[in-house]
Amino acid sequence: ASEMLYPLMPLYLATVLMSGPRVLGLIEGIAEATASLLKLFSGVIVD
């Protein structure tokens, strides 16, 4: 499901949302940084 959409995201940003590489970097960076912080929290809870 995820990779069905992943390769389409740059195309969707460029052709539908009219955004470029800087916006792409901001979106992906914030999204992945958020996941990383919660990975530490969930790991401690598991222990």
All heavy atoms as atom14 arrays in JSON, in Angstrom:
{
  "sequence": "ASEMLYPLMPLYLATVLMSGPRVLGLIEGIAEATASLLKLFSGVIVD",
  "atom14_mask": [
    [1, 1, 1, 1, 1, 0, 0, 0, 0, 0, 0, 0, 0, 0],
    [1, 1, 1, 1, 1, 1, 0, 0, 0, 0, 0, 0, 0, 0],
    [1, 1, 1, 1, 1, 1, 1, 1, 1, 0, 0, 0, 0, 0],
    [1, 1, 1, 1, 1, 1, 1, 1, 0, 0, 0, 0, 0, 0],
    [1, 1, 1, 1, 1, 1, 1, 1, 0, 0, 0, 0, 0, 0],
    [1, 1, 1, 1, 1, 1, 1, 1, 1, 1, 1, 1, 0, 0],
    [1, 1, 1, 1, 1, 1, 1, 0, 0, 0, 0, 0, 0, 0],
    [1, 1, 1, 1, 1, 1, 1, 1, 0, 0, 0, 0, 0, 0],
    [1, 1, 1, 1, 1, 1, 1, 1, 0, 0, 0, 0, 0, 0],
    [1, 1, 1, 1, 1, 1, 1, 0, 0, 0, 0, 0, 0, 0],
    [1, 1, 1, 1, 1, 1, 1, 1, 0, 0, 0, 0, 0, 0],
    [1, 1, 1, 1, 1, 1, 1, 1, 1, 1, 1, 1, 0, 0],
    [1, 1, 1, 1, 1, 1, 1, 1, 0, 0, 0, 0, 0, 0],
    [1, 1, 1, 1, 1, 0, 0, 0, 0, 0, 0, 0, 0, 0],
    [1, 1, 1, 1, 1, 1, 1, 0, 0, 0, 0, 0, 0, 0],
    [1, 1, 1, 1, 1, 1, 1, 0, 0, 0, 0, 0, 0, 0],
    [1, 1, 1, 1, 1, 1, 1, 1, 0, 0, 0, 0, 0, 0],
    [1, 1, 1, 1, 1, 1, 1, 1, 0, 0, 0, 0, 0, 0],
    [1, 1, 1, 1, 1, 1, 0, 0, 0, 0, 0, 0, 0, 0],
    [1, 1, 1, 1, 0, 0, 0, 0, 0, 0, 0, 0, 0, 0],
    [1, 1, 1, 1, 1, 1, 1, 0, 0, 0, 0, 0, 0, 0],
    [1, 1, 1, 1, 1, 1, 1, 1, 1, 1, 1, 0, 0, 0],
    [1, 1, 1, 1, 1, 1, 1, 0, 0, 0, 0, 0, 0, 0],
    [1, 1, 1, 1, 1, 1, 1, 1, 0, 0, 0, 0, 0, 0],
    [1, 1, 1, 1, 0, 0, 0, 0, 0, 0, 0, 0, 0, 0],
    [1, 1, 1, 1, 1, 1, 1, 1, 0, 0, 0, 0, 0, 0],
    [1, 1, 1, 1, 1, 1, 1, 1, 0, 0, 0, 0, 0, 0],
    [1, 1, 1, 1, 1, 1, 1, 1, 1, 0, 0, 0, 0, 0],
    [1, 1, 1, 1, 0, 0, 0, 0, 0, 0, 0, 0, 0, 0],
    [1, 1, 1, 1, 1, 1, 1, 1, 0, 0, 0, 0, 0, 0],
    [1, 1, 1, 1, 1, 0, 0, 0, 0, 0, 0, 0, 0, 0],
    [1, 1, 1, 1, 1, 1, 1, 1, 1, 0, 0, 0, 0, 0],
    [1, 1, 1, 1, 1, 0, 0, 0, 0, 0, 0, 0, 0, 0],
    [1, 1, 1, 1, 1, 1, 1, 0, 0, 0, 0, 0, 0, 0],
    [1, 1, 1, 1, 1, 0, 0, 0, 0, 0, 0, 0, 0, 0],
    [1, 1, 1, 1, 1, 1, 0, 0, 0, 0, 0, 0, 0, 0],
    [1, 1, 1, 1, 1, 1, 1, 1, 0, 0, 0, 0, 0, 0],
    [1, 1, 1, 1, 1, 1, 1, 1, 0, 0, 0, 0, 0, 0],
    [1, 1, 1, 1, 1, 1, 1, 1, 1, 0, 0, 0, 0, 0],
    [1, 1, 1, 1, 1, 1, 1, 1, 0, 0, 0, 0, 0, 0],
    [1, 1, 1, 1, 1, 1, 1, 1, 1, 1, 1, 0, 0, 0],
    [1, 1, 1, 1, 1, 1, 0, 0, 0, 0, 0, 0, 0, 0],
    [1, 1, 1, 1, 0, 0, 0, 0, 0, 0, 0, 0, 0, 0],
    [1, 1, 1, 1, 1, 1, 1, 0, 0, 0, 0, 0, 0, 0],
    [1, 1, 1, 1, 1, 1, 1, 1, 0, 0, 0, 0, 0, 0],
    [1, 1, 1, 1, 1, 1, 1, 0, 0, 0, 0, 0, 0, 0],
    [1, 1, 1, 1, 1, 1, 1, 1, 0, 0, 0, 0, 0, 0]
  ],
  "atom14_positions": [
    [[0.83, -1.21, 0.0], [0.0, 0.0, 0.0], [0.86, 1.26, 0.0], [0.63, 2.2, -0.77], [-0.93, 0.0, 1.21], [0.0, 0.0, 0.0], [0.0, 0.0, 0.0], [0.0, 0.0, 0.0], [0.0, 0.0, 0.0], [0.0, 0.0, 0.0], [0.0, 0.0, 0.0], [0.0, 0.0, 0.0], [0.0, 0.0, 0.0], [0.0, 0.0, 0.0]],
    [[1.88, 1.26, 0.86], [2.71, 2.45, 1.0], [3.5, 2.75, -0.28], [3.54, 3.88, -0.76], [3.67, 2.26, 2.18], [4.53, 3.37, 2.31], [0.0, 0.0, 0.0], [0.0, 0.0, 0.0], [0.0, 0.0, 0.0], [0.0, 0.0, 0.0], [0.0, 0.0, 0.0], [0.0, 0.0, 0.0], [0.0, 0.0, 0.0], [0.0, 0.0, 0.0]],
    [[4.14, 1.7, -0.84], [4.99, 1.9, -2.01], [4.19, 2.04, -3.3], [4.75, 2.43, -4.33], [5.98, 0.75, -2.13], [6.93, 0.63, -0.96], [7.79, 1.87, -0.79], [8.12, 2.53, -1.79], [8.12, 2.2, 0.36], [0.0, 0.0, 0.0], [0.0, 0.0, 0.0], [0.0, 0.0, 0.0], [0.0, 0.0, 0.0], [0.0, 0.0, 0.0]],
    [[2.9, 1.73, -3.26], [2.05, 2.05, -4.4], [1.91, 3.56, -4.56], [1.77, 4.09, -5.67], [0.67, 1.41, -4.21], [-0.3, 1.64, -5.36], [-1.84, 0.7, -5.19], [-2.6, 1.55, -3.8], [0.0, 0.0, 0.0], [0.0, 0.0, 0.0], [0.0, 0.0, 0.0], [0.0, 0.0, 0.0], [0.0, 0.0, 0.0], [0.0, 0.0, 0.0]],
    [[2.0, 4.26, -3.42], [1.84, 5.71, -3.42], [3.17, 6.45, -3.43], [3.27, 7.55, -3.97], [1.04, 6.14, -2.18], [-0.28, 5.43, -1.94], [-0.98, 6.04, -0.73], [-1.18, 5.49, -3.16], [0.0, 0.0, 0.0], [0.0, 0.0, 0.0], [0.0, 0.0, 0.0], [0.0, 0.0, 0.0], [0.0, 0.0, 0.0], [0.0, 0.0, 0.0]],
    [[4.2, 5.85, -2.8], [5.48, 6.55, -2.59], [6.09, 7.1, -3.88], [6.48, 8.27, -3.92], [6.44, 5.58, -1.9], [7.69, 6.23, -1.35], [7.66, 6.86, -0.1], [8.88, 6.21, -2.05], [8.81, 7.45, 0.41], [10.02, 6.79, -1.55], [9.98, 7.41, -0.31], [11.11, 8.0, 0.19], [0.0, 0.0, 0.0], [0.0, 0.0, 0.0]],
    [[6.19, 6.31, -4.97], [6.79, 6.87, -6.18], [5.94, 7.95, -6.85], [6.44, 8.68, -7.7], [6.9, 5.64, -7.12], [6.77, 4.46, -6.23], [5.87, 4.88, -5.13], [0.0, 0.0, 0.0], [0.0, 0.0, 0.0], [0.0, 0.0, 0.0], [0.0, 0.0, 0.0], [0.0, 0.0, 0.0], [0.0, 0.0, 0.0], [0.0, 0.0, 0.0]],
    [[4.66, 8.04, -6.45], [3.77, 9.02, -7.07], [3.81, 10.37, -6.36], [3.31, 11.35, -6.89], [2.33, 8.5, -7.06], [2.1, 7.14, -7.73], [0.63, 6.75, -7.62], [2.54, 7.16, -9.19], [0.0, 0.0, 0.0], [0.0, 0.0, 0.0], [0.0, 0.0, 0.0], [0.0, 0.0, 0.0], [0.0, 0.0, 0.0], [0.0, 0.0, 0.0]],
    [[4.39, 10.41, -5.15], [4.35, 11.64, -4.36], [5.07, 12.81, -5.04], [4.54, 13.91, -5.1], [4.94, 11.38, -2.98], [4.15, 10.36, -2.17], [2.52, 10.96, -1.69], [2.97, 12.06, -0.37], [0.0, 0.0, 0.0], [0.0, 0.0, 0.0], [0.0, 0.0, 0.0], [0.0, 0.0, 0.0], [0.0, 0.0, 0.0], [0.0, 0.0, 0.0]],
    [[6.3, 12.62, -5.56], [6.93, 13.76, -6.26], [6.11, 14.23, -7.45], [5.99, 15.44, -7.7], [8.29, 13.19, -6.7], [8.55, 12.05, -5.8], [7.21, 11.46, -5.51], [0.0, 0.0, 0.0], [0.0, 0.0, 0.0], [0.0, 0.0, 0.0], [0.0, 0.0, 0.0], [0.0, 0.0, 0.0], [0.0, 0.0, 0.0], [0.0, 0.0, 0.0]],
    [[5.52, 13.28, -8.19], [4.68, 13.64, -9.34], [3.44, 14.39, -8.88], [3.03, 15.38, -9.48], [4.29, 12.36, -10.09], [3.39, 12.53, -11.33], [4.1, 13.35, -12.4], [3.0, 11.16, -11.87], [0.0, 0.0, 0.0], [0.0, 0.0, 0.0], [0.0, 0.0, 0.0], [0.0, 0.0, 0.0], [0.0, 0.0, 0.0], [0.0, 0.0, 0.0]],
    [[2.83, 13.93, -7.77], [1.63, 14.58, -7.24], [1.95, 15.99, -6.75], [1.18, 16.93, -6.99], [1.08, 13.72, -6.1], [-0.32, 14.09, -5.66], [-1.4, 13.88, -6.5], [-0.56, 14.63, -4.41], [-2.7, 14.21, -6.1], [-1.84, 14.95, -4.0], [-2.9, 14.73, -4.85], [-4.18, 15.06, -4.44], [0.0, 0.0, 0.0], [0.0, 0.0, 0.0]],
    [[3.08, 16.14, -6.08], [3.49, 17.46, -5.61], [3.71, 18.42, -6.77], [3.31, 19.59, -6.73], [4.77, 17.36, -4.78], [4.61, 17.08, -3.29], [5.97, 16.78, -2.67], [3.97, 18.26, -2.58], [0.0, 0.0, 0.0], [0.0, 0.0, 0.0], [0.0, 0.0, 0.0], [0.0, 0.0, 0.0], [0.0, 0.0, 0.0], [0.0, 0.0, 0.0]],
    [[4.37, 17.93, -7.82], [4.74, 18.81, -8.94], [3.56, 19.15, -9.83], [3.41, 20.29, -10.26], [5.85, 18.14, -9.75], [0.0, 0.0, 0.0], [0.0, 0.0, 0.0], [0.0, 0.0, 0.0], [0.0, 0.0, 0.0], [0.0, 0.0, 0.0], [0.0, 0.0, 0.0], [0.0, 0.0, 0.0], [0.0, 0.0, 0.0], [0.0, 0.0, 0.0]],
    [[2.69, 18.17, -10.13], [1.64, 18.37, -11.13], [0.3, 18.81, -10.55], [-0.47, 19.48, -11.21], [1.43, 17.1, -11.95], [1.02, 16.04, -11.08], [2.71, 16.7, -12.66], [0.0, 0.0, 0.0], [0.0, 0.0, 0.0], [0.0, 0.0, 0.0], [0.0, 0.0, 0.0], [0.0, 0.0, 0.0], [0.0, 0.0, 0.0], [0.0, 0.0, 0.0]],
    [[0.04, 18.42, -9.29], [-1.24, 18.75, -8.68], [-1.11, 19.86, -7.64], [-1.88, 20.82, -7.64], [-1.89, 17.49, -8.04], [-3.21, 17.85, -7.36], [-2.11, 16.41, -9.08], [0.0, 0.0, 0.0], [0.0, 0.0, 0.0], [0.0, 0.0, 0.0], [0.0, 0.0, 0.0], [0.0, 0.0, 0.0], [0.0, 0.0, 0.0], [0.0, 0.0, 0.0]],
    [[-0.11, 19.74, -6.77], [0.06, 20.72, -5.69], [1.05, 21.83, -6.04], [1.22, 22.77, -5.26], [0.52, 20.01, -4.41], [-0.4, 18.86, -3.95], [0.11, 18.3, -2.62], [-1.84, 19.33, -3.81], [0.0, 0.0, 0.0], [0.0, 0.0, 0.0], [0.0, 0.0, 0.0], [0.0, 0.0, 0.0], [0.0, 0.0, 0.0], [0.0, 0.0, 0.0]],
    [[1.71, 21.73, -7.19], [2.61, 22.77, -7.71], [3.71, 23.15, -6.7], [3.94, 24.32, -6.41], [1.81, 24.02, -8.09], [0.73, 23.77, -9.11], [1.42, 23.06, -10.66], [-0.08, 22.74, -11.58], [0.0, 0.0, 0.0], [0.0, 0.0, 0.0], [0.0, 0.0, 0.0], [0.0, 0.0, 0.0], [0.0, 0.0, 0.0], [0.0, 0.0, 0.0]],
    [[4.4, 22.13, -6.18], [5.47, 22.36, -5.21], [6.74, 21.66, -5.69], [6.67, 20.74, -6.5], [5.08, 21.84, -3.83], [3.91, 22.48, -3.37], [0.0, 0.0, 0.0], [0.0, 0.0, 0.0], [0.0, 0.0, 0.0], [0.0, 0.0, 0.0], [0.0, 0.0, 0.0], [0.0, 0.0, 0.0], [0.0, 0.0, 0.0], [0.0, 0.0, 0.0]],
    [[7.9, 22.11, -5.15], [9.18, 21.62, -5.65], [10.0, 20.86, -4.62], [9.48, 20.43, -3.58], [0.0, 0.0, 0.0], [0.0, 0.0, 0.0], [0.0, 0.0, 0.0], [0.0, 0.0, 0.0], [0.0, 0.0, 0.0], [0.0, 0.0, 0.0], [0.0, 0.0, 0.0], [0.0, 0.0, 0.0], [0.0, 0.0, 0.0], [0.0, 0.0, 0.0]],
    [[11.3, 20.69, -4.87], [12.17, 19.89, -4.01], [12.26, 20.37, -2.56], [12.37, 19.56, -1.65], [13.54, 20.0, -4.7], [13.22, 20.3, -6.12], [11.99, 21.16, -6.08], [0.0, 0.0, 0.0], [0.0, 0.0, 0.0], [0.0, 0.0, 0.0], [0.0, 0.0, 0.0], [0.0, 0.0, 0.0], [0.0, 0.0, 0.0], [0.0, 0.0, 0.0]],
    [[12.23, 21.69, -2.35], [12.34, 22.19, -0.97], [11.14, 21.77, -0.13], [11.28, 21.38, 1.04], [12.49, 23.71, -0.99], [13.84, 24.17, -1.53], [13.94, 25.68, -1.56], [15.24, 26.09, -2.11], [15.59, 27.34, -2.37], [14.72, 28.32, -2.13], [16.77, 27.63, -2.86], [0.0, 0.0, 0.0], [0.0, 0.0, 0.0], [0.0, 0.0, 0.0]],
    [[9.95, 21.86, -0.7], [8.74, 21.42, 0.01], [8.79, 19.92, 0.24], [8.42, 19.43, 1.31], [7.47, 21.81, -0.78], [6.24, 21.15, -0.19], [7.3, 23.33, -0.79], [0.0, 0.0, 0.0], [0.0, 0.0, 0.0], [0.0, 0.0, 0.0], [0.0, 0.0, 0.0], [0.0, 0.0, 0.0], [0.0, 0.0, 0.0], [0.0, 0.0, 0.0]],
    [[9.25, 19.18, -0.76], [9.38, 17.73, -0.63], [10.3, 17.38, 0.53], [9.99, 16.51, 1.36], [9.91, 17.14, -1.93], [10.19, 15.64, -1.94], [8.92, 14.84, -1.7], [10.82, 15.22, -3.27], [0.0, 0.0, 0.0], [0.0, 0.0, 0.0], [0.0, 0.0, 0.0], [0.0, 0.0, 0.0], [0.0, 0.0, 0.0], [0.0, 0.0, 0.0]],
    [[11.44, 18.06, 0.61], [12.38, 17.81, 1.7], [11.79, 18.15, 3.07], [11.99, 17.43, 4.04], [0.0, 0.0, 0.0], [0.0, 0.0, 0.0], [0.0, 0.0, 0.0], [0.0, 0.0, 0.0], [0.0, 0.0, 0.0], [0.0, 0.0, 0.0], [0.0, 0.0, 0.0], [0.0, 0.0, 0.0], [0.0, 0.0, 0.0], [0.0, 0.0, 0.0]],
    [[11.01, 19.25, 3.13], [10.39, 19.65, 4.4], [9.36, 18.62, 4.85], [9.33, 18.21, 6.01], [9.73, 21.01, 4.22], [9.01, 21.58, 5.46], [10.01, 21.85, 6.57], [8.24, 22.85, 5.1], [0.0, 0.0, 0.0], [0.0, 0.0, 0.0], [0.0, 0.0, 0.0], [0.0, 0.0, 0.0], [0.0, 0.0, 0.0], [0.0, 0.0, 0.0]],
    [[8.49, 18.19, 3.93], [7.44, 17.22, 4.27], [8.04, 15.92, 4.75], [7.67, 15.39, 5.81], [6.52, 16.98, 3.05], [5.67, 18.22, 2.77], [5.62, 15.77, 3.3], [4.83, 18.11, 1.52], [0.0, 0.0, 0.0], [0.0, 0.0, 0.0], [0.0, 0.0, 0.0], [0.0, 0.0, 0.0], [0.0, 0.0, 0.0], [0.0, 0.0, 0.0]],
    [[8.97, 15.36, 3.98], [9.55, 14.08, 4.34], [10.39, 14.16, 5.61], [10.4, 13.25, 6.43], [10.38, 13.53, 3.18], [9.54, 13.08, 2.01], [8.53, 12.02, 2.41], [8.95, 10.93, 2.83], [7.33, 12.3, 2.33], [0.0, 0.0, 0.0], [0.0, 0.0, 0.0], [0.0, 0.0, 0.0], [0.0, 0.0, 0.0], [0.0, 0.0, 0.0]],
    [[11.1, 15.26, 5.77], [11.93, 15.42, 6.97], [11.1, 15.49, 8.24], [11.39, 14.82, 9.23], [0.0, 0.0, 0.0], [0.0, 0.0, 0.0], [0.0, 0.0, 0.0], [0.0, 0.0, 0.0], [0.0, 0.0, 0.0], [0.0, 0.0, 0.0], [0.0, 0.0, 0.0], [0.0, 0.0, 0.0], [0.0, 0.0, 0.0], [0.0, 0.0, 0.0]],
    [[10.05, 16.31, 8.24], [9.18, 16.44, 9.42], [8.48, 15.12, 9.7], [8.38, 14.68, 10.86], [8.15, 17.57, 9.21], [8.87, 18.92, 9.22], [7.06, 17.51, 10.28], [7.95, 20.1, 8.97], [0.0, 0.0, 0.0], [0.0, 0.0, 0.0], [0.0, 0.0, 0.0], [0.0, 0.0, 0.0], [0.0, 0.0, 0.0], [0.0, 0.0, 0.0]],
    [[7.98, 14.46, 8.66], [7.25, 13.2, 8.85], [8.16, 12.14, 9.48], [7.76, 11.47, 10.44], [6.7, 12.72, 7.51], [0.0, 0.0, 0.0], [0.0, 0.0, 0.0], [0.0, 0.0, 0.0], [0.0, 0.0, 0.0], [0.0, 0.0, 0.0], [0.0, 0.0, 0.0], [0.0, 0.0, 0.0], [0.0, 0.0, 0.0], [0.0, 0.0, 0.0]],
    [[9.36, 11.98, 8.96], [10.25, 10.94, 9.47], [10.81, 11.29, 10.84], [11.02, 10.4, 11.68], [11.39, 10.7, 8.48], [10.94, 10.12, 7.15], [10.26, 8.76, 7.29], [10.54, 8.06, 8.28], [9.47, 8.42, 6.4], [0.0, 0.0, 0.0], [0.0, 0.0, 0.0], [0.0, 0.0, 0.0], [0.0, 0.0, 0.0], [0.0, 0.0, 0.0]],
    [[11.05, 12.58, 11.1], [11.53, 12.98, 12.42], [10.48, 12.7, 13.49], [10.8, 12.27, 14.61], [11.9, 14.46, 12.41], [0.0, 0.0, 0.0], [0.0, 0.0, 0.0], [0.0, 0.0, 0.0], [0.0, 0.0, 0.0], [0.0, 0.0, 0.0], [0.0, 0.0, 0.0], [0.0, 0.0, 0.0], [0.0, 0.0, 0.0], [0.0, 0.0, 0.0]],
    [[9.22, 12.92, 13.16], [8.13, 12.62, 14.09], [8.08, 11.14, 14.43], [7.96, 10.74, 15.59], [6.78, 13.05, 13.48], [6.81, 14.45, 13.22], [5.63, 12.74, 14.43], [0.0, 0.0, 0.0], [0.0, 0.0, 0.0], [0.0, 0.0, 0.0], [0.0, 0.0, 0.0], [0.0, 0.0, 0.0], [0.0, 0.0, 0.0], [0.0, 0.0, 0.0]],
    [[8.18, 10.31, 13.41], [8.17, 8.87, 13.63], [9.33, 8.45, 14.52], [9.17, 7.59, 15.4], [8.24, 8.14, 12.29], [0.0, 0.0, 0.0], [0.0, 0.0, 0.0], [0.0, 0.0, 0.0], [0.0, 0.0, 0.0], [0.0, 0.0, 0.0], [0.0, 0.0, 0.0], [0.0, 0.0, 0.0], [0.0, 0.0, 0.0], [0.0, 0.0, 0.0]],
    [[10.48, 9.06, 14.33], [11.66, 8.67, 15.09], [11.51, 8.96, 16.58], [11.91, 8.16, 17.42], [12.89, 9.41, 14.55], [13.08, 9.1, 13.19], [0.0, 0.0, 0.0], [0.0, 0.0, 0.0], [0.0, 0.0, 0.0], [0.0, 0.0, 0.0], [0.0, 0.0, 0.0], [0.0, 0.0, 0.0], [0.0, 0.0, 0.0], [0.0, 0.0, 0.0]],
    [[10.94, 10.1, 16.93], [10.74, 10.44, 18.33], [9.81, 9.44, 19.01], [10.03, 9.01, 20.14], [10.19, 11.86, 18.46], [11.16, 12.98, 18.09], [10.43, 14.32, 18.06], [12.32, 13.04, 19.08], [0.0, 0.0, 0.0], [0.0, 0.0, 0.0], [0.0, 0.0, 0.0], [0.0, 0.0, 0.0], [0.0, 0.0, 0.0], [0.0, 0.0, 0.0]],
    [[8.75, 9.06, 18.31], [7.8, 8.11, 18.88], [8.38, 6.7, 18.96], [7.96, 5.9, 19.8], [6.52, 8.1, 18.06], [5.61, 9.32, 18.29], [4.44, 9.3, 17.31], [5.09, 9.34, 19.72], [0.0, 0.0, 0.0], [0.0, 0.0, 0.0], [0.0, 0.0, 0.0], [0.0, 0.0, 0.0], [0.0, 0.0, 0.0], [0.0, 0.0, 0.0]],
    [[9.34, 6.37, 18.09], [9.99, 5.06, 18.17], [10.75, 4.9, 19.47], [10.8, 3.8, 20.04], [10.92, 4.87, 16.98], [10.21, 4.65, 15.65], [11.18, 4.68, 14.48], [10.45, 4.62, 13.15], [11.37, 4.76, 12.0], [0.0, 0.0, 0.0], [0.0, 0.0, 0.0], [0.0, 0.0, 0.0], [0.0, 0.0, 0.0], [0.0, 0.0, 0.0]],
    [[11.36, 5.97, 19.97], [12.04, 5.89, 21.26], [11.02, 5.69, 22.38], [11.19, 4.84, 23.25], [12.85, 7.17, 21.5], [13.52, 7.28, 22.87], [14.45, 6.1, 23.14], [14.27, 8.59, 23.0], [0.0, 0.0, 0.0], [0.0, 0.0, 0.0], [0.0, 0.0, 0.0], [0.0, 0.0, 0.0], [0.0, 0.0, 0.0], [0.0, 0.0, 0.0]],
    [[9.93, 6.45, 22.36], [8.89, 6.35, 23.38], [8.32, 4.93, 23.42], [8.22, 4.31, 24.48], [7.79, 7.37, 23.1], [6.56, 7.17, 23.92], [6.5, 7.61, 25.23], [5.45, 6.53, 23.39], [5.37, 7.42, 26.01], [4.3, 6.33, 24.15], [4.26, 6.78, 25.46], [0.0, 0.0, 0.0], [0.0, 0.0, 0.0], [0.0, 0.0, 0.0]],
    [[7.94, 4.4, 22.25], [7.32, 3.07, 22.22], [8.32, 1.99, 22.62], [7.94, 0.99, 23.24], [6.74, 2.78, 20.84], [7.75, 2.79, 19.84], [0.0, 0.0, 0.0], [0.0, 0.0, 0.0], [0.0, 0.0, 0.0], [0.0, 0.0, 0.0], [0.0, 0.0, 0.0], [0.0, 0.0, 0.0], [0.0, 0.0, 0.0], [0.0, 0.0, 0.0]],
    [[9.6, 2.17, 22.29], [10.61, 1.2, 22.69], [10.79, 1.14, 24.2], [10.89, 0.05, 24.77], [0.0, 0.0, 0.0], [0.0, 0.0, 0.0], [0.0, 0.0, 0.0], [0.0, 0.0, 0.0], [0.0, 0.0, 0.0], [0.0, 0.0, 0.0], [0.0, 0.0, 0.0], [0.0, 0.0, 0.0], [0.0, 0.0, 0.0], [0.0, 0.0, 0.0]],
    [[10.79, 2.29, 24.85], [10.92, 2.32, 26.31], [9.7, 1.69, 26.96], [9.81, 0.94, 27.95], [11.12, 3.78, 26.8], [11.11, 3.84, 28.32], [12.42, 4.35, 26.26], [0.0, 0.0, 0.0], [0.0, 0.0, 0.0], [0.0, 0.0, 0.0], [0.0, 0.0, 0.0], [0.0, 0.0, 0.0], [0.0, 0.0, 0.0], [0.0, 0.0, 0.0]],
    [[8.52, 1.97, 26.43], [7.29, 1.4, 26.98], [7.3, -0.13, 26.88], [6.86, -0.84, 27.78], [6.06, 1.97, 26.24], [5.85, 3.44, 26.64], [4.82, 1.16, 26.56], [5.5, 3.65, 28.09], [0.0, 0.0, 0.0], [0.0, 0.0, 0.0], [0.0, 0.0, 0.0], [0.0, 0.0, 0.0], [0.0, 0.0, 0.0], [0.0, 0.0, 0.0]],
    [[7.82, -0.66, 25.78], [7.89, -2.11, 25.61], [8.79, -2.73, 26.68], [8.46, -3.77, 27.26], [8.4, -2.47, 24.2], [8.81, -3.93, 24.12], [7.31, -2.19, 23.17], [0.0, 0.0, 0.0], [0.0, 0.0, 0.0], [0.0, 0.0, 0.0], [0.0, 0.0, 0.0], [0.0, 0.0, 0.0], [0.0, 0.0, 0.0], [0.0, 0.0, 0.0]],
    [[9.93, -2.1, 26.97], [10.81, -2.62, 28.01], [10.14, -2.59, 29.37], [10.37, -3.46, 30.22], [12.11, -1.8, 28.06], [13.06, -2.14, 26.93], [12.86, -3.21, 26.31], [13.97, -1.35, 26.65], [0.0, 0.0, 0.0], [0.0, 0.0, 0.0], [0.0, 0.0, 0.0], [0.0, 0.0, 0.0], [0.0, 0.0, 0.0], [0.0, 0.0, 0.0]]
  ]
}
